[in-house]
Amino acid sequence: MKTHILAGLSAATLALSACSDLTPEQRTVAGVAGGAAAGLIAADALKADDDWRLIAALGGAAAGTVVAQNNQSRQCAYSRGDGTYYTAACP
């Protein structure tokens, strides 16, 4: 049952993120929901306990927020390899 709910949330998030006329707030909400769903799916696939599922969902939500905001500004973060990052236009 839980897998079906997560699959439905993932499909809804993908459908919502395909809309190009979203406001910045809607884009952020879609990023949070998509990231949290991806984190939960990954934790479920790895048979994680409840604590790790919560951590994975929170981490995914944070990553989804950053991706949504970066898509709005058209800036991407690139790793230098030494632990630091820089931003530049996305390809």
C-alpha atoms as a PDB file:
ATOM      1  CA  MET A   1       0.000   0.000   0.000  1.00  0.00           C
ATOM      2  CA  LYS A   2       2.759   2.422   0.931  1.00  0.00           C
ATOM      3  CA  THR A   3       4.508   1.749  -2.379  1.00  0.00           C
ATOM      4  CA  HIS A   4       1.353   2.639  -4.323  1.00  0.00           C
ATOM      5  CA  ILE A   5       0.988   5.909  -2.428  1.00  0.00           C
ATOM      6  CA  LEU A   6       4.615   6.833  -3.063  1.00  0.00           C
ATOM      7  CA  ALA A   7       4.287   5.946  -6.735  1.00  0.00           C
ATOM      8  CA  GLY A   8       1.199   8.144  -6.993  1.00  0.00           C
ATOM      9  CA  LEU A   9       2.947  11.046  -5.272  1.00  0.00           C
ATOM     10  CA  SER A  10       5.930  10.667  -7.573  1.00  0.00           C
ATOM     11  CA  ALA A  11       3.752  10.644 -10.676  1.00  0.00           C
ATOM     12  CA  ALA A  12       1.831  13.693  -9.481  1.00  0.00           C
ATOM     13  CA  THR A  13       5.046  15.536  -8.740  1.00  0.00           C
ATOM     14  CA  LEU A  14       6.448  14.766 -12.177  1.00  0.00           C
ATOM     15  CA  ALA A  15       3.247  15.917 -13.818  1.00  0.00           C
ATOM     16  CA  LEU A  16       3.213  19.104 -11.771  1.00  0.00           C
ATOM     17  CA  SER A  17       6.868  19.860 -12.459  1.00  0.00           C
ATOM     18  CA  ALA A  18       6.236  19.576 -16.205  1.00  0.00           C
ATOM     19  CA  CYS A  19       4.125  22.733 -16.108  1.00  0.00           C
ATOM     20  CA  SER A  20       6.196  25.712 -17.176  1.00  0.00           C
ATOM     21  CA  ASP A  21       3.802  28.414 -15.960  1.00  0.00           C
ATOM     22  CA  LEU A  22       4.232  27.796 -12.232  1.00  0.00           C
ATOM     23  CA  THR A  23       4.819  30.601  -9.786  1.00  0.00           C
ATOM     24  CA  PRO A  24       8.058  30.493  -7.764  1.00  0.00           C
ATOM     25  CA  GLU A  25       6.117  29.318  -4.716  1.00  0.00           C
ATOM     26  CA  GLN A  26       4.447  26.503  -6.658  1.00  0.00           C
ATOM     27  CA  ARG A  27       7.798  25.479  -8.108  1.00  0.00           C
ATOM     28  CA  THR A  28       9.293  25.320  -4.605  1.00  0.00           C
ATOM     29  CA  VAL A  29       6.385  23.225  -3.313  1.00  0.00           C
ATOM     30  CA  ALA A  30       6.764  20.841  -6.248  1.00  0.00           C
ATOM     31  CA  GLY A  31      10.491  20.577  -5.537  1.00  0.00           C
ATOM     32  CA  VAL A  32       9.902  19.859  -1.853  1.00  0.00           C
ATOM     33  CA  ALA A  33       7.265  17.217  -2.591  1.00  0.00           C
ATOM     34  CA  GLY A  34       9.310  15.568  -5.325  1.00  0.00           C
ATOM     35  CA  GLY A  35      12.479  15.533  -3.272  1.00  0.00           C
ATOM     36  CA  ALA A  36      10.750  14.121  -0.211  1.00  0.00           C
ATOM     37  CA  ALA A  37       9.086  11.426  -2.318  1.00  0.00           C
ATOM     38  CA  ALA A  38      12.410  10.529  -3.938  1.00  0.00           C
ATOM     39  CA  GLY A  39      14.052  10.304  -0.519  1.00  0.00           C
ATOM     40  CA  LEU A  40      11.301   8.044   0.790  1.00  0.00           C
ATOM     41  CA  ILE A  41      11.471   5.812  -2.278  1.00  0.00           C
ATOM     42  CA  ALA A  42      15.242   5.486  -1.933  1.00  0.00           C
ATOM     43  CA  ALA A  43      14.956   4.689   1.787  1.00  0.00           C
ATOM     44  CA  ASP A  44      12.229   2.145   1.095  1.00  0.00           C
ATOM     45  CA  ALA A  45      14.326   0.493  -1.618  1.00  0.00           C
ATOM     46  CA  LEU A  46      17.234   0.208   0.819  1.00  0.00           C
ATOM     47  CA  LYS A  47      14.959  -1.258   3.536  1.00  0.00           C
ATOM     48  CA  ALA A  48      15.810   1.584   5.928  1.00  0.00           C
ATOM     49  CA  ASP A  49      14.212   1.886   9.350  1.00  0.00           C
ATOM     50  CA  ASP A  50      11.816   4.721  10.239  1.00  0.00           C
ATOM     51  CA  ASP A  51      14.549   7.072  11.471  1.00  0.00           C
ATOM     52  CA  TRP A  52      16.471   6.845   8.207  1.00  0.00           C
ATOM     53  CA  ARG A  53      13.276   7.240   6.187  1.00  0.00           C
ATOM     54  CA  LEU A  54      12.618  10.528   7.959  1.00  0.00           C
ATOM     55  CA  ILE A  55      16.186  11.685   7.356  1.00  0.00           C
ATOM     56  CA  ALA A  56      15.980  10.654   3.688  1.00  0.00           C
ATOM     57  CA  ALA A  57      12.687  12.509   3.235  1.00  0.00           C
ATOM     58  CA  LEU A  58      14.066  15.677   4.846  1.00  0.00           C
ATOM     59  CA  GLY A  59      17.253  15.499   2.794  1.00  0.00           C
ATOM     60  CA  GLY A  60      15.278  14.911  -0.385  1.00  0.00           C
ATOM     61  CA  ALA A  61      12.985  17.835   0.393  1.00  0.00           C
ATOM     62  CA  ALA A  62      15.997  20.106   0.903  1.00  0.00           C
ATOM     63  CA  ALA A  63      17.576  18.953  -2.354  1.00  0.00           C
ATOM     64  CA  GLY A  64      14.275  19.378  -4.204  1.00  0.00           C
ATOM     65  CA  THR A  65      13.982  22.934  -2.920  1.00  0.00           C
ATOM     66  CA  VAL A  66      17.464  23.804  -4.154  1.00  0.00           C
ATOM     67  CA  VAL A  67      16.791  22.254  -7.559  1.00  0.00           C
ATOM     68  CA  ALA A  68      13.504  24.148  -7.904  1.00  0.00           C
ATOM     69  CA  GLN A  69      15.119  27.444  -6.992  1.00  0.00           C
ATOM     70  CA  ASN A  70      18.079  26.823  -9.306  1.00  0.00           C
ATOM     71  CA  ASN A  71      15.724  26.028 -12.188  1.00  0.00           C
ATOM     72  CA  GLN A  72      14.052  29.376 -11.626  1.00  0.00           C
ATOM     73  CA  SER A  73      17.353  31.296 -11.702  1.00  0.00           C
ATOM     74  CA  ARG A  74      18.842  29.122 -14.475  1.00  0.00           C
ATOM     75  CA  GLN A  75      22.016  28.682 -12.391  1.00  0.00           C
ATOM     76  CA  CYS A  76      23.628  25.330 -11.651  1.00  0.00           C
ATOM     77  CA  ALA A  77      26.137  24.431  -8.941  1.00  0.00           C
ATOM     78  CA  TYR A  78      29.328  22.694 -10.026  1.00  0.00           C
ATOM     79  CA  SER A  79      31.851  20.936  -7.802  1.00  0.00           C
ATOM     80  CA  ARG A  80      35.503  21.915  -8.031  1.00  0.00           C
ATOM     81  CA  GLY A  81      36.590  18.557  -6.606  1.00  0.00           C
ATOM     82  CA  ASP A  82      38.111  20.027  -3.437  1.00  0.00           C
ATOM     83  CA  GLY A  83      34.811  20.283  -1.577  1.00  0.00           C
ATOM     84  CA  THR A  84      33.881  23.744  -2.832  1.00  0.00           C
ATOM     85  CA  TYR A  85      31.289  24.710  -5.400  1.00  0.00           C
ATOM     86  CA  TYR A  86      30.701  27.512  -7.889  1.00  0.00           C
ATOM     87  CA  THR A  87      27.606  28.555  -9.815  1.00  0.00           C
ATOM     88  CA  ALA A  88      27.363  29.146 -13.520  1.00  0.00           C
ATOM     89  CA  ALA A  89      24.715  29.043 -16.232  1.00  0.00           C
ATOM     90  CA  CYS A  90      23.171  25.612 -16.718  1.00  0.00           C
ATOM     91  CA  PRO A  91      24.016  23.826 -19.982  1.00  0.00           C
END
